[in-house]
C-alpha atoms as a PDB file:
ATOM      1  CA  MET A   1     -23.635  80.674-105.803  1.00  0.00           C
ATOM      2  CA  ALA A   2     -22.075  78.144-108.530  1.00  0.00           C
ATOM      3  CA  ILE A   3     -18.935  78.477-106.551  1.00  0.00           C
ATOM      4  CA  LEU A   4     -20.645  78.169-103.083  1.00  0.00           C
ATOM      5  CA  ARG A   5     -22.035  74.520-104.400  1.00  0.00           C
ATOM      6  CA  MET A   6     -18.703  73.761-105.825  1.00  0.00           C
ATOM      7  CA  SER A   7     -17.348  74.462-102.591  1.00  0.00           C
ATOM      8  CA  ILE A   8     -19.515  71.913-100.328  1.00  0.00           C
ATOM      9  CA  LEU A   9     -19.538  69.781-103.162  1.00  0.00           C
ATOM     10  CA  VAL A  10     -15.468  69.659-102.110  1.00  0.00           C
ATOM     11  CA  GLY A  11     -15.828  69.871 -98.432  1.00  0.00           C
ATOM     12  CA  ILE A  12     -18.450  66.686 -98.644  1.00  0.00           C
ATOM     13  CA  LEU A  13     -16.146  64.827-100.887  1.00  0.00           C
ATOM     14  CA  VAL A  14     -13.353  65.462 -98.690  1.00  0.00           C
ATOM     15  CA  LEU A  15     -15.218  64.148 -95.618  1.00  0.00           C
ATOM     16  CA  LEU A  16     -16.335  60.831 -97.448  1.00  0.00           C
ATOM     17  CA  CYS A  17     -12.260  60.122 -98.143  1.00  0.00           C
ATOM     18  CA  LEU A  18     -11.295  61.144 -95.060  1.00  0.00           C
ATOM     19  CA  SER A  19     -14.053  58.508 -93.338  1.00  0.00           C
ATOM     20  CA  THR A  20     -13.205  55.899 -95.851  1.00  0.00           C
ATOM     21  CA  ALA A  21      -9.353  56.024 -94.763  1.00  0.00           C
ATOM     22  CA  VAL A  22     -10.477  56.160 -91.179  1.00  0.00           C
ATOM     23  CA  PHE A  23     -13.147  53.190 -91.637  1.00  0.00           C
ATOM     24  CA  GLY A  24     -11.883  51.504 -94.390  1.00  0.00           C
ATOM     25  CA  GLN A  25     -11.815  48.102 -93.002  1.00  0.00           C
ATOM     26  CA  ASP A  26     -15.517  47.298 -93.703  1.00  0.00           C
ATOM     27  CA  GLY A  27     -16.109  46.350 -89.891  1.00  0.00           C
ATOM     28  CA  ARG A  28     -13.711  43.617 -90.311  1.00  0.00           C
ATOM     29  CA  VAL A  29     -12.088  41.873 -87.259  1.00  0.00           C
ATOM     30  CA  ARG A  30      -8.463  42.787 -86.039  1.00  0.00           C
ATOM     31  CA  ILE A  31      -6.492  39.732 -85.255  1.00  0.00           C
ATOM     32  CA  PHE A  32      -3.018  39.759 -83.486  1.00  0.00           C
ATOM     33  CA  ILE A  33      -0.673  37.036 -84.516  1.00  0.00           C
ATOM     34  CA  MET A  34       1.132  35.946 -81.826  1.00  0.00           C
ATOM     35  CA  ASP A  35       5.396  34.687 -82.541  1.00  0.00           C
ATOM     36  CA  SER A  36       5.151  31.107 -83.936  1.00  0.00           C
ATOM     37  CA  GLN A  37       7.683  29.201 -81.488  1.00  0.00           C
ATOM     38  CA  SER A  38       8.029  26.091 -83.901  1.00  0.00           C
ATOM     39  CA  TRP A  39      10.999  23.949 -83.999  1.00  0.00           C
ATOM     40  CA  GLN A  40      12.530  21.481 -86.381  1.00  0.00           C
ATOM     41  CA  VAL A  41      15.170  18.973 -85.562  1.00  0.00           C
ATOM     42  CA  SER A  42      16.454  16.026 -88.256  1.00  0.00           C
ATOM     43  CA  GLY A  43      19.571  14.022 -88.515  1.00  0.00           C
ATOM     44  CA  GLY A  44      20.758  10.909 -89.758  1.00  0.00           C
ATOM     45  CA  VAL A  45      23.086   7.916 -89.069  1.00  0.00           C
ATOM     46  CA  VAL A  46      25.236   6.082 -91.399  1.00  0.00           C
ATOM     47  CA  ASN A  47      27.118   2.853 -90.235  1.00  0.00           C
ATOM     48  CA  VAL A  48      29.662   2.072 -93.281  1.00  0.00           C
ATOM     49  CA  GLY A  49      32.711   0.107 -91.197  1.00  0.00           C
ATOM     50  CA  ASP A  50      34.075   0.328 -87.911  1.00  0.00           C
ATOM     51  CA  PRO A  51      33.159   3.989 -86.945  1.00  0.00           C
ATOM     52  CA  GLY A  52      29.740   5.295 -87.749  1.00  0.00           C
ATOM     53  CA  ALA A  53      29.126   8.749 -88.913  1.00  0.00           C
ATOM     54  CA  GLY A  54      25.900  10.902 -88.271  1.00  0.00           C
ATOM     55  CA  THR A  55      24.883  14.174 -88.141  1.00  0.00           C
ATOM     56  CA  ILE A  56      21.778  16.357 -86.587  1.00  0.00           C
ATOM     57  CA  SER A  57      20.680  19.685 -86.749  1.00  0.00           C
ATOM     58  CA  GLY A  58      17.675  21.661 -86.011  1.00  0.00           C
ATOM     59  CA  GLY A  59      16.803  25.077 -84.758  1.00  0.00           C
ATOM     60  CA  ALA A  60      13.749  27.438 -84.219  1.00  0.00           C
ATOM     61  CA  ARG A  61      11.686  27.487 -87.926  1.00  0.00           C
ATOM     62  CA  PRO A  62       9.327  30.669 -87.392  1.00  0.00           C
ATOM     63  CA  GLN A  63       6.198  30.344 -89.490  1.00  0.00           C
ATOM     64  CA  THR A  64       5.075  33.957 -88.658  1.00  0.00           C
ATOM     65  CA  THR A  65       5.124  35.474 -91.683  1.00  0.00           C
ATOM     66  CA  GLU A  66       3.269  32.713 -93.483  1.00  0.00           C
ATOM     67  CA  ILE A  67       0.573  32.343 -90.727  1.00  0.00           C
ATOM     68  CA  MET A  68       0.066  36.235 -91.235  1.00  0.00           C
ATOM     69  CA  LYS A  69      -0.124  35.813 -95.576  1.00  0.00           C
ATOM     70  CA  THR A  70      -2.227  32.686 -95.102  1.00  0.00           C
ATOM     71  CA  PHE A  71      -4.904  34.697 -92.625  1.00  0.00           C
ATOM     72  CA  ALA A  72      -4.679  37.869 -95.278  1.00  0.00           C
ATOM     73  CA  GLU A  73      -5.646  35.038 -97.935  1.00  0.00           C
ATOM     74  CA  ARG A  74      -7.777  32.803 -96.212  1.00  0.00           C
ATOM     75  CA  CYS A  75      -9.987  34.900 -93.705  1.00  0.00           C
ATOM     76  CA  PRO A  76     -11.406  37.651 -95.255  1.00  0.00           C
ATOM     77  CA  PRO A  77     -13.323  38.747 -92.421  1.00  0.00           C
ATOM     78  CA  CYS A  78      -9.980  39.901 -90.476  1.00  0.00           C
ATOM     79  CA  ILE A  79      -7.116  42.172 -90.710  1.00  0.00           C
ATOM     80  CA  VAL A  80      -4.039  41.145 -89.328  1.00  0.00           C
ATOM     81  CA  THR A  81      -2.344  44.056 -87.263  1.00  0.00           C
ATOM     82  CA  MET A  82       1.019  44.498 -85.196  1.00  0.00           C
ATOM     83  CA  ASP A  83      -0.752  46.464 -82.501  1.00  0.00           C
ATOM     84  CA  ARG A  84      -1.876  44.087 -79.838  1.00  0.00           C
ATOM     85  CA  GLU A  85      -3.844  46.452 -77.751  1.00  0.00           C
ATOM     86  CA  ARG A  86      -6.259  47.382 -81.102  1.00  0.00           C
ATOM     87  CA  ALA A  87      -6.309  43.367 -81.579  1.00  0.00           C
ATOM     88  CA  ASP A  88     -10.345  41.917 -81.228  1.00  0.00           C
ATOM     89  CA  TYR A  89      -8.669  38.641 -80.601  1.00  0.00           C
ATOM     90  CA  THR A  90      -5.307  36.589 -80.818  1.00  0.00           C
ATOM     91  CA  VAL A  91      -4.174  33.941 -82.534  1.00  0.00           C
ATOM     92  CA  ARG A  92      -0.825  31.646 -81.997  1.00  0.00           C
ATOM     93  CA  LEU A  93      -0.273  28.863 -84.378  1.00  0.00           C
ATOM     94  CA  ASP A  94       2.613  26.523 -84.201  1.00  0.00           C
ATOM     95  CA  HIS A  95       3.633  24.197 -86.575  1.00  0.00           C
ATOM     96  CA  GLU A  96       5.510  20.854 -85.238  1.00  0.00           C
ATOM     97  CA  GLY A  97       8.140  20.252 -87.830  1.00  0.00           C
ATOM     98  CA  GLY A  98      10.807  17.692 -87.998  1.00  0.00           C
ATOM     99  CA  LYS A  99       8.541  14.445 -88.395  1.00  0.00           C
ATOM    100  CA  SER A 100       7.473  12.702 -91.408  1.00  0.00           C
ATOM    101  CA  LEU A 101       5.113  14.615 -93.925  1.00  0.00           C
ATOM    102  CA  VAL A 102       2.317  12.006 -92.020  1.00  0.00           C
ATOM    103  CA  LEU A 103       2.745  13.186 -88.548  1.00  0.00           C
ATOM    104  CA  ARG A 104       3.358  16.910 -88.914  1.00  0.00           C
ATOM    105  CA  ASP A 105       0.714  18.768 -87.046  1.00  0.00           C
ATOM    106  CA  ASN A 106      -0.334  22.217 -86.744  1.00  0.00           C
ATOM    107  CA  LYS A 107      -1.307  23.554 -83.540  1.00  0.00           C
ATOM    108  CA  VAL A 108      -3.703  26.600 -83.276  1.00  0.00           C
ATOM    109  CA  VAL A 109      -5.598  28.827 -80.341  1.00  0.00           C
ATOM    110  CA  VAL A 110      -8.260  31.898 -80.677  1.00  0.00           C
ATOM    111  CA  PHE A 111      -8.007  34.235 -77.419  1.00  0.00           C
ATOM    112  CA  ASP A 112     -10.667  37.118 -77.565  1.00  0.00           C
ATOM    113  CA  LYS A 113      -9.608  40.659 -76.193  1.00  0.00           C
ATOM    114  CA  MET A 114     -10.700  39.567 -72.578  1.00  0.00           C
ATOM    115  CA  GLY A 115      -7.762  37.054 -73.093  1.00  0.00           C
ATOM    116  CA  ASP A 116     -10.329  34.235 -72.911  1.00  0.00           C
ATOM    117  CA  LEU A 117      -9.639  31.183 -75.194  1.00  0.00           C
ATOM    118  CA  ILE A 118     -12.641  30.906 -77.728  1.00  0.00           C
ATOM    119  CA  TYR A 119     -10.845  28.207 -79.653  1.00  0.00           C
ATOM    120  CA  SER A 120      -8.075  25.636 -79.939  1.00  0.00           C
ATOM    121  CA  GLY A 121      -7.467  22.703 -82.364  1.00  0.00           C
ATOM    122  CA  SER A 122      -5.008  20.859 -84.312  1.00  0.00           C
ATOM    123  CA  THR A 123      -4.418  20.197 -88.539  1.00  0.00           C
ATOM    124  CA  ARG A 124      -2.460  18.774 -90.726  1.00  0.00           C
ATOM    125  CA  ILE A 125      -2.289  21.672 -93.032  1.00  0.00           C
ATOM    126  CA  LEU A 126      -1.859  25.058 -91.835  1.00  0.00           C
ATOM    127  CA  GLY A 127      -4.423  26.632 -94.676  1.00  0.00           C
ATOM    128  CA  ASN A 128      -7.057  24.020 -92.717  1.00  0.00           C
ATOM    129  CA  ALA A 129      -5.817  25.621 -89.119  1.00  0.00           C
ATOM    130  CA  VAL A 130      -6.205  29.175 -90.567  1.00  0.00           C
ATOM    131  CA  LYS A 131      -9.909  28.344 -91.492  1.00  0.00           C
ATOM    132  CA  ASP A 132     -10.875  26.726 -88.459  1.00  0.00           C
ATOM    133  CA  ALA A 133      -9.649  29.974 -86.761  1.00  0.00           C
ATOM    134  CA  CYS A 134     -11.511  32.329 -88.923  1.00  0.00           C
ATOM    135  CA  ALA A 135     -14.556  29.885 -88.366  1.00  0.00           C
ATOM    136  CA  ALA A 136     -14.042  30.609 -84.091  1.00  0.00           C
ATOM    137  CA  ILE A 137     -13.652  34.400 -84.541  1.00  0.00           C
ATOM    138  CA  GLU A 138     -16.736  34.420 -86.801  1.00  0.00           C
ATOM    139  CA  ARG A 139     -19.157  32.261 -84.467  1.00  0.00           C
ATOM    140  CA  ASP A 140     -17.602  34.247 -81.392  1.00  0.00           C
ATOM    141  CA  LYS A 141     -18.000  37.826 -83.131  1.00  0.00           C
ATOM    142  CA  GLN A 142     -21.902  36.923 -84.242  1.00  0.00           C
ATOM    143  CA  GLY A 143     -22.291  35.688 -80.388  1.00  0.00           C
ATOM    144  CA  LYS A 144     -21.263  39.273 -79.353  1.00  0.00           C
ATOM    145  CA  PRO A 145     -22.471  42.829 -79.749  1.00  0.00           C
END
């Protein structure tokens, strides 16, 4: 009899562990972060004498990894997924670089699973863009079954 009870108890524990592994997201919303298309251009010109000298440089400056990290830190109701098909929301956040510190902008858009735009905005700080997108996702989630 004790062996039967122990077997049942072990079976229940195994099922609890498996269900926690499968449903361990605590009902969190899955978001897919689109690749950042950020660019930065910088340069300068110096005129010392007759021939001047100058330089210009620039190129892609993707922020996708930083955006994912910031979402993981500042938006606990969401979990970032690499599987776009399983995502409840898709987020695109682009950082506009190459301007002075004061004029930089982070543009963010959020789409629901149906592809409908639920939020768009811009902020000076990446963390605020993530905070605003997270709040929009929470509002939209509350309005849907």
